[in-house]
């Protein structure tokens, strides 16, 4: 496992996640059984990797976690 010491939601963090399977998608990878779904996922990952970085989006839960994450790490 490679651990990157970067701050969440920075451009560097977004670039590291671009085009890879992150925790959000991992549950789908573990539970889906159809080839069609995997092809769709690969299409999404390739498009994500080639596209410009999206605008930053944070809802209230994400902002709360960003604030609480340092405490959770301790």
PDB file of N, CA and C in Angstrom:
ATOM      1  N   UNK A   1       0.845  -1.172   0.000  1.00  0.00           N
ATOM      2  CA  UNK A   1       0.000   0.000   0.000  1.00  0.00           C
ATOM      3  C   UNK A   1       0.893   1.238   0.000  1.00  0.00           C
ATOM      4  N   UNK A   2       0.499   2.193  -0.805  1.00  0.00           N
ATOM      5  CA  UNK A   2       1.210   3.463  -0.857  1.00  0.00           C
ATOM      6  C   UNK A   2       0.367   4.495  -0.122  1.00  0.00           C
ATOM      7  N   UNK A   3       0.978   5.181   0.821  1.00  0.00           N
ATOM      8  CA  UNK A   3       0.278   6.217   1.579  1.00  0.00           C
ATOM      9  C   UNK A   3       0.817   7.574   1.148  1.00  0.00           C
ATOM     10  N   UNK A   4      -0.083   8.433   0.724  1.00  0.00           N
ATOM     11  CA  UNK A   4       0.278   9.790   0.316  1.00  0.00           C
ATOM     12  C   UNK A   4      -0.152  10.748   1.414  1.00  0.00           C
ATOM     13  N   UNK A   5       0.750  11.575   1.874  1.00  0.00           N
ATOM     14  CA  UNK A   5       0.436  12.530   2.928  1.00  0.00           C
ATOM     15  C   UNK A   5       0.026  13.852   2.287  1.00  0.00           C
ATOM     16  N   UNK A   6      -1.239  13.899   1.860  1.00  0.00           N
ATOM     17  CA  UNK A   6      -1.762  15.112   1.237  1.00  0.00           C
ATOM     18  C   UNK A   6      -3.073  15.486   1.919  1.00  0.00           C
ATOM     19  N   UNK A   7      -3.421  16.738   1.804  1.00  0.00           N
ATOM     20  CA  UNK A   7      -4.663  17.226   2.399  1.00  0.00           C
ATOM     21  C   UNK A   7      -5.832  16.926   1.473  1.00  0.00           C
ATOM     22  N   UNK A   8      -6.926  16.420   2.062  1.00  0.00           N
ATOM     23  CA  UNK A   8      -8.116  16.127   1.270  1.00  0.00           C
ATOM     24  C   UNK A   8      -8.622  17.369   0.566  1.00  0.00           C
ATOM     25  N   UNK A   9      -9.167  17.152  -0.622  1.00  0.00           N
ATOM     26  CA  UNK A   9      -9.822  18.149  -1.453  1.00  0.00           C
ATOM     27  C   UNK A   9      -8.861  19.141  -2.081  1.00  0.00           C
ATOM     28  N   UNK A  10      -7.554  18.945  -1.925  1.00  0.00           N
ATOM     29  CA  UNK A  10      -6.607  19.789  -2.640  1.00  0.00           C
ATOM     30  C   UNK A  10      -6.486  19.262  -4.065  1.00  0.00           C
ATOM     31  N   UNK A  11      -5.886  20.039  -4.946  1.00  0.00           N
ATOM     32  CA  UNK A  11      -5.708  19.595  -6.325  1.00  0.00           C
ATOM     33  C   UNK A  11      -4.833  18.341  -6.377  1.00  0.00           C
ATOM     34  N   UNK A  12      -3.828  18.287  -5.511  1.00  0.00           N
ATOM     35  CA  UNK A  12      -2.950  17.114  -5.463  1.00  0.00           C
ATOM     36  C   UNK A  12      -3.735  15.861  -5.068  1.00  0.00           C
ATOM     37  N   UNK A  13      -4.614  15.987  -4.095  1.00  0.00           N
ATOM     38  CA  UNK A  13      -5.447  14.870  -3.639  1.00  0.00           C
ATOM     39  C   UNK A  13      -6.373  14.396  -4.749  1.00  0.00           C
ATOM     40  N   UNK A  14      -7.005  15.363  -5.427  1.00  0.00           N
ATOM     41  CA  UNK A  14      -7.910  15.020  -6.522  1.00  0.00           C
ATOM     42  C   UNK A  14      -7.155  14.307  -7.639  1.00  0.00           C
ATOM     43  N   UNK A  15      -5.951  14.769  -7.944  1.00  0.00           N
ATOM     44  CA  UNK A  15      -5.152  14.152  -9.011  1.00  0.00           C
ATOM     45  C   UNK A  15      -4.775  12.716  -8.655  1.00  0.00           C
ATOM     46  N   UNK A  16      -4.497  12.450  -7.383  1.00  0.00           N
ATOM     47  CA  UNK A  16      -4.144  11.090  -6.955  1.00  0.00           C
ATOM     48  C   UNK A  16      -5.317  10.127  -7.095  1.00  0.00           C
ATOM     49  N   UNK A  17      -6.536  10.603  -6.959  1.00  0.00           N
ATOM     50  CA  UNK A  17      -7.734   9.752  -7.017  1.00  0.00           C
ATOM     51  C   UNK A  17      -8.286   9.583  -8.427  1.00  0.00           C
ATOM     52  N   UNK A  18      -7.813  10.404  -9.339  1.00  0.00           N
ATOM     53  CA  UNK A  18      -8.361  10.446 -10.689  1.00  0.00           C
ATOM     54  C   UNK A  18      -8.116   9.130 -11.433  1.00  0.00           C
ATOM     55  N   UNK A  19      -9.181   8.526 -11.925  1.00  0.00           N
ATOM     56  CA  UNK A  19      -9.067   7.329 -12.754  1.00  0.00           C
ATOM     57  C   UNK A  19      -8.752   6.046 -12.012  1.00  0.00           C
ATOM     58  N   UNK A  20      -8.929   6.027 -10.693  1.00  0.00           N
ATOM     59  CA  UNK A  20      -8.674   4.796  -9.932  1.00  0.00           C
ATOM     60  C   UNK A  20      -9.916   4.411  -9.139  1.00  0.00           C
ATOM     61  N   UNK A  21      -9.931   3.177  -8.674  1.00  0.00           N
ATOM     62  CA  UNK A  21     -11.040   2.711  -7.847  1.00  0.00           C
ATOM     63  C   UNK A  21     -10.740   3.107  -6.407  1.00  0.00           C
ATOM     64  N   UNK A  22     -11.558   4.001  -5.886  1.00  0.00           N
ATOM     65  CA  UNK A  22     -11.396   4.452  -4.504  1.00  0.00           C
ATOM     66  C   UNK A  22     -12.432   3.736  -3.639  1.00  0.00           C
ATOM     67  N   UNK A  23     -12.434   4.023  -2.368  1.00  0.00           N
ATOM     68  CA  UNK A  23     -13.350   3.367  -1.442  1.00  0.00           C
ATOM     69  C   UNK A  23     -14.803   3.493  -1.829  1.00  0.00           C
ATOM     70  N   UNK A  24     -15.167   4.606  -2.419  1.00  0.00           N
ATOM     71  CA  UNK A  24     -16.551   4.819  -2.836  1.00  0.00           C
ATOM     72  C   UNK A  24     -16.995   3.759  -3.841  1.00  0.00           C
ATOM     73  N   UNK A  25     -16.123   3.410  -4.758  1.00  0.00           N
ATOM     74  CA  UNK A  25     -16.471   2.423  -5.791  1.00  0.00           C
ATOM     75  C   UNK A  25     -16.128   0.993  -5.386  1.00  0.00           C
ATOM     76  N   UNK A  26     -15.315   0.827  -4.383  1.00  0.00           N
ATOM     77  CA  UNK A  26     -14.865  -0.512  -4.012  1.00  0.00           C
ATOM     78  C   UNK A  26     -16.009  -1.446  -3.643  1.00  0.00           C
ATOM     79  N   UNK A  27     -17.003  -0.938  -2.953  1.00  0.00           N
ATOM     80  CA  UNK A  27     -18.141  -1.787  -2.576  1.00  0.00           C
ATOM     81  C   UNK A  27     -18.846  -2.327  -3.815  1.00  0.00           C
ATOM     82  N   UNK A  28     -18.903  -1.525  -4.883  1.00  0.00           N
ATOM     83  CA  UNK A  28     -19.541  -1.983  -6.120  1.00  0.00           C
ATOM     84  C   UNK A  28     -18.691  -3.048  -6.799  1.00  0.00           C
ATOM     85  N   UNK A  29     -17.379  -2.878  -6.770  1.00  0.00           N
ATOM     86  CA  UNK A  29     -16.492  -3.863  -7.387  1.00  0.00           C
ATOM     87  C   UNK A  29     -16.638  -5.211  -6.680  1.00  0.00           C
ATOM     88  N   UNK A  30     -16.798  -5.166  -5.379  1.00  0.00           N
ATOM     89  CA  UNK A  30     -16.895  -6.397  -4.591  1.00  0.00           C
ATOM     90  C   UNK A  30     -18.244  -7.096  -4.735  1.00  0.00           C
ATOM     91  N   UNK A  31     -19.279  -6.372  -5.144  1.00  0.00           N
ATOM     92  CA  UNK A  31     -20.620  -6.971  -5.155  1.00  0.00           C
ATOM     93  C   UNK A  31     -21.209  -7.210  -6.544  1.00  0.00           C
ATOM     94  N   UNK A  32     -20.706  -6.556  -7.551  1.00  0.00           N
ATOM     95  CA  UNK A  32     -21.274  -6.711  -8.897  1.00  0.00           C
ATOM     96  C   UNK A  32     -20.717  -7.965  -9.563  1.00  0.00           C
ATOM     97  N   UNK A  33     -21.554  -8.618 -10.347  1.00  0.00           N
ATOM     98  CA  UNK A  33     -21.130  -9.871 -10.975  1.00  0.00           C
ATOM     99  C   UNK A  33     -21.250  -9.870 -12.492  1.00  0.00           C
ATOM    100  N   UNK A  34     -21.748  -8.785 -13.072  1.00  0.00           N
ATOM    101  CA  UNK A  34     -21.933  -8.789 -14.518  1.00  0.00           C
ATOM    102  C   UNK A  34     -20.772  -8.115 -15.247  1.00  0.00           C
ATOM    103  N   UNK A  35     -20.434  -8.655 -16.380  1.00  0.00           N
ATOM    104  CA  UNK A  35     -19.368  -8.087 -17.200  1.00  0.00           C
ATOM    105  C   UNK A  35     -19.754  -6.701 -17.697  1.00  0.00           C
ATOM    106  N   UNK A  36     -21.021  -6.492 -17.970  1.00  0.00           N
ATOM    107  CA  UNK A  36     -21.489  -5.194 -18.452  1.00  0.00           C
ATOM    108  C   UNK A  36     -21.166  -4.105 -17.431  1.00  0.00           C
ATOM    109  N   UNK A  37     -21.368  -4.402 -16.163  1.00  0.00           N
ATOM    110  CA  UNK A  37     -21.093  -3.408 -15.126  1.00  0.00           C
ATOM    111  C   UNK A  37     -19.609  -3.068 -15.089  1.00  0.00           C
ATOM    112  N   UNK A  38     -18.744  -4.076 -15.186  1.00  0.00           N
ATOM    113  CA  UNK A  38     -17.309  -3.824 -15.155  1.00  0.00           C
ATOM    114  C   UNK A  38     -16.850  -3.007 -16.361  1.00  0.00           C
ATOM    115  N   UNK A  39     -17.436  -3.267 -17.534  1.00  0.00           N
ATOM    116  CA  UNK A  39     -17.102  -2.477 -18.718  1.00  0.00           C
ATOM    117  C   UNK A  39     -17.524  -1.028 -18.517  1.00  0.00           C
ATOM    118  N   UNK A  40     -18.681  -0.827 -17.910  1.00  0.00           N
ATOM    119  CA  UNK A  40     -19.163   0.520 -17.621  1.00  0.00           C
ATOM    120  C   UNK A  40     -18.223   1.226 -16.643  1.00  0.00           C
ATOM    121  N   UNK A  41     -17.782   0.508 -15.625  1.00  0.00           N
ATOM    122  CA  UNK A  41     -16.847   1.078 -14.657  1.00  0.00           C
ATOM    123  C   UNK A  41     -15.547   1.472 -15.340  1.00  0.00           C
ATOM    124  N   UNK A  42     -15.023   0.617 -16.188  1.00  0.00           N
ATOM    125  CA  UNK A  42     -13.775   0.923 -16.886  1.00  0.00           C
ATOM    126  C   UNK A  42     -13.942   2.147 -17.781  1.00  0.00           C
ATOM    127  N   UNK A  43     -15.085   2.251 -18.463  1.00  0.00           N
ATOM    128  CA  UNK A  43     -15.364   3.430 -19.279  1.00  0.00           C
ATOM    129  C   UNK A  43     -15.353   4.696 -18.417  1.00  0.00           C
ATOM    130  N   UNK A  44     -15.989   4.613 -17.257  1.00  0.00           N
ATOM    131  CA  UNK A  44     -16.030   5.761 -16.342  1.00  0.00           C
ATOM    132  C   UNK A  44     -14.632   6.149 -15.868  1.00  0.00           C
ATOM    133  N   UNK A  45     -13.820   5.154 -15.504  1.00  0.00           N
ATOM    134  CA  UNK A  45     -12.470   5.429 -15.003  1.00  0.00           C
ATOM    135  C   UNK A  45     -11.590   6.043 -16.083  1.00  0.00           C
ATOM    136  N   UNK A  46     -11.702   5.538 -17.297  1.00  0.00           N
ATOM    137  CA  UNK A  46     -10.908   6.088 -18.399  1.00  0.00           C
ATOM    138  C   UNK A  46     -11.334   7.523 -18.693  1.00  0.00           C
ATOM    139  N   UNK A  47     -12.640   7.757 -18.758  1.00  0.00           N
ATOM    140  CA  UNK A  47     -13.141   9.107 -19.015  1.00  0.00           C
ATOM    141  C   UNK A  47     -12.711  10.064 -17.904  1.00  0.00           C
ATOM    142  N   UNK A  48     -12.773   9.602 -16.663  1.00  0.00           N
ATOM    143  CA  UNK A  48     -12.372  10.417 -15.515  1.00  0.00           C
ATOM    144  C   UNK A  48     -10.893  10.774 -15.607  1.00  0.00           C
ATOM    145  N   UNK A  49     -10.079   9.818 -16.022  1.00  0.00           N
ATOM    146  CA  UNK A  49      -8.640  10.031 -16.128  1.00  0.00           C
ATOM    147  C   UNK A  49      -8.308  11.034 -17.226  1.00  0.00           C
ATOM    148  N   UNK A  50      -9.062  11.020 -18.306  1.00  0.00           N
ATOM    149  CA  UNK A  50      -8.785  11.894 -19.442  1.00  0.00           C
ATOM    150  C   UNK A  50      -9.415  13.279 -19.314  1.00  0.00           C
ATOM    151  N   UNK A  51     -10.459  13.387 -18.524  1.00  0.00           N
ATOM    152  CA  UNK A  51     -11.192  14.657 -18.397  1.00  0.00           C
ATOM    153  C   UNK A  51     -10.457  15.624 -17.472  1.00  0.00           C
ATOM    154  N   UNK A  52     -10.709  16.901 -17.650  1.00  0.00           N
ATOM    155  CA  UNK A  52     -10.144  17.873 -16.711  1.00  0.00           C
ATOM    156  C   UNK A  52     -10.731  17.657 -15.321  1.00  0.00           C
ATOM    157  N   UNK A  53     -10.026  18.095 -14.313  1.00  0.00           N
ATOM    158  CA  UNK A  53     -10.509  17.943 -12.943  1.00  0.00           C
ATOM    159  C   UNK A  53     -11.833  18.671 -12.771  1.00  0.00           C
ATOM    160  N   UNK A  54     -12.790  18.029 -12.096  1.00  0.00           N
ATOM    161  CA  UNK A  54     -14.099  18.667 -11.897  1.00  0.00           C
ATOM    162  C   UNK A  54     -14.030  19.748 -10.827  1.00  0.00           C
ATOM    163  N   UNK A  55     -15.079  20.538 -10.786  1.00  0.00           N
ATOM    164  CA  UNK A  55     -15.204  21.524  -9.714  1.00  0.00           C
ATOM    165  C   UNK A  55     -15.251  20.781  -8.381  1.00  0.00           C
ATOM    166  N   UNK A  56     -14.735  21.408  -7.358  1.00  0.00           N
ATOM    167  CA  UNK A  56     -14.777  20.779  -6.040  1.00  0.00           C
ATOM    168  C   UNK A  56     -16.205  20.821  -5.506  1.00  0.00           C
ATOM    169  N   UNK A  57     -16.663  19.685  -4.993  1.00  0.00           N
ATOM    170  CA  UNK A  57     -17.991  19.603  -4.394  1.00  0.00           C
ATOM    171  C   UNK A  57     -17.836  19.075  -2.984  1.00  0.00           C
ATOM    172  N   UNK A  58     -18.432  19.740  -2.033  1.00  0.00           N
ATOM    173  CA  UNK A  58     -18.449  19.258  -0.657  1.00  0.00           C
ATOM    174  C   UNK A  58     -19.824  19.521  -0.063  1.00  0.00           C
ATOM    175  N   UNK A  59     -20.435  18.453   0.459  1.00  0.00           N
ATOM    176  CA  UNK A  59     -21.685  18.655   1.182  1.00  0.00           C
ATOM    177  C   UNK A  59     -21.363  18.782   2.679  1.00  0.00           C
ATOM    178  N   UNK A  60     -22.369  18.954   3.499  1.00  0.00           N
ATOM    179  CA  UNK A  60     -22.141  19.174   4.933  1.00  0.00           C
ATOM    180  C   UNK A  60     -21.407  18.015   5.594  1.00  0.00           C
ATOM    181  N   UNK A  61     -21.757  16.789   5.218  1.00  0.00           N
ATOM    182  CA  UNK A  61     -21.108  15.622   5.816  1.00  0.00           C
ATOM    183  C   UNK A  61     -19.619  15.569   5.453  1.00  0.00           C
ATOM    184  N   UNK A  62     -19.303  15.944   4.241  1.00  0.00           N
ATOM    185  CA  UNK A  62     -17.903  15.935   3.805  1.00  0.00           C
ATOM    186  C   UNK A  62     -17.096  17.010   4.538  1.00  0.00           C
ATOM    187  N   UNK A  63     -17.691  18.167   4.717  1.00  0.00           N
ATOM    188  CA  UNK A  63     -17.019  19.246   5.444  1.00  0.00           C
ATOM    189  C   UNK A  63     -16.797  18.830   6.897  1.00  0.00           C
ATOM    190  N   UNK A  64     -17.806  18.215   7.496  1.00  0.00           N
ATOM    191  CA  UNK A  64     -17.683  17.749   8.884  1.00  0.00           C
ATOM    192  C   UNK A  64     -16.541  16.742   9.011  1.00  0.00           C
ATOM    193  N   UNK A  65     -16.468  15.794   8.067  1.00  0.00           N
ATOM    194  CA  UNK A  65     -15.406  14.797   8.137  1.00  0.00           C
ATOM    195  C   UNK A  65     -14.040  15.440   7.955  1.00  0.00           C
ATOM    196  N   UNK A  66     -13.918  16.426   7.088  1.00  0.00           N
ATOM    197  CA  UNK A  66     -12.651  17.110   6.893  1.00  0.00           C
ATOM    198  C   UNK A  66     -12.190  17.756   8.200  1.00  0.00           C
ATOM    199  N   UNK A  67     -13.131  18.289   8.946  1.00  0.00           N
ATOM    200  CA  UNK A  67     -12.804  18.916  10.237  1.00  0.00           C
ATOM    201  C   UNK A  67     -12.440  17.852  11.270  1.00  0.00           C
ATOM    202  N   UNK A  68     -13.164  16.732  11.288  1.00  0.00           N
ATOM    203  CA  UNK A  68     -12.964  15.715  12.318  1.00  0.00           C
ATOM    204  C   UNK A  68     -11.854  14.702  12.002  1.00  0.00           C
ATOM    205  N   UNK A  69     -11.419  14.651  10.758  1.00  0.00           N
ATOM    206  CA  UNK A  69     -10.427  13.645  10.377  1.00  0.00           C
ATOM    207  C   UNK A  69      -9.144  13.693  11.207  1.00  0.00           C
ATOM    208  N   UNK A  70      -8.557  14.865  11.467  1.00  0.00           N
ATOM    209  CA  UNK A  70      -7.341  14.888  12.292  1.00  0.00           C
ATOM    210  C   UNK A  70      -7.561  14.261  13.683  1.00  0.00           C
ATOM    211  N   UNK A  71      -8.738  14.490  14.237  1.00  0.00           N
ATOM    212  CA  UNK A  71      -9.059  13.912  15.555  1.00  0.00           C
ATOM    213  C   UNK A  71      -9.165  12.400  15.434  1.00  0.00           C
ATOM    214  N   UNK A  72      -9.804  11.926  14.366  1.00  0.00           N
ATOM    215  CA  UNK A  72      -9.956  10.483  14.156  1.00  0.00           C
ATOM    216  C   UNK A  72      -8.607   9.820  13.955  1.00  0.00           C
ATOM    217  N   UNK A  73      -7.694  10.486  13.293  1.00  0.00           N
ATOM    218  CA  UNK A  73      -6.353   9.914  13.062  1.00  0.00           C
ATOM    219  C   UNK A  73      -5.573   9.746  14.365  1.00  0.00           C
ATOM    220  N   UNK A  74      -5.802  10.664  15.303  1.00  0.00           N
ATOM    221  CA  UNK A  74      -5.104  10.572  16.599  1.00  0.00           C
ATOM    222  C   UNK A  74      -5.533   9.312  17.320  1.00  0.00           C
TER     223      UNK A  74
END
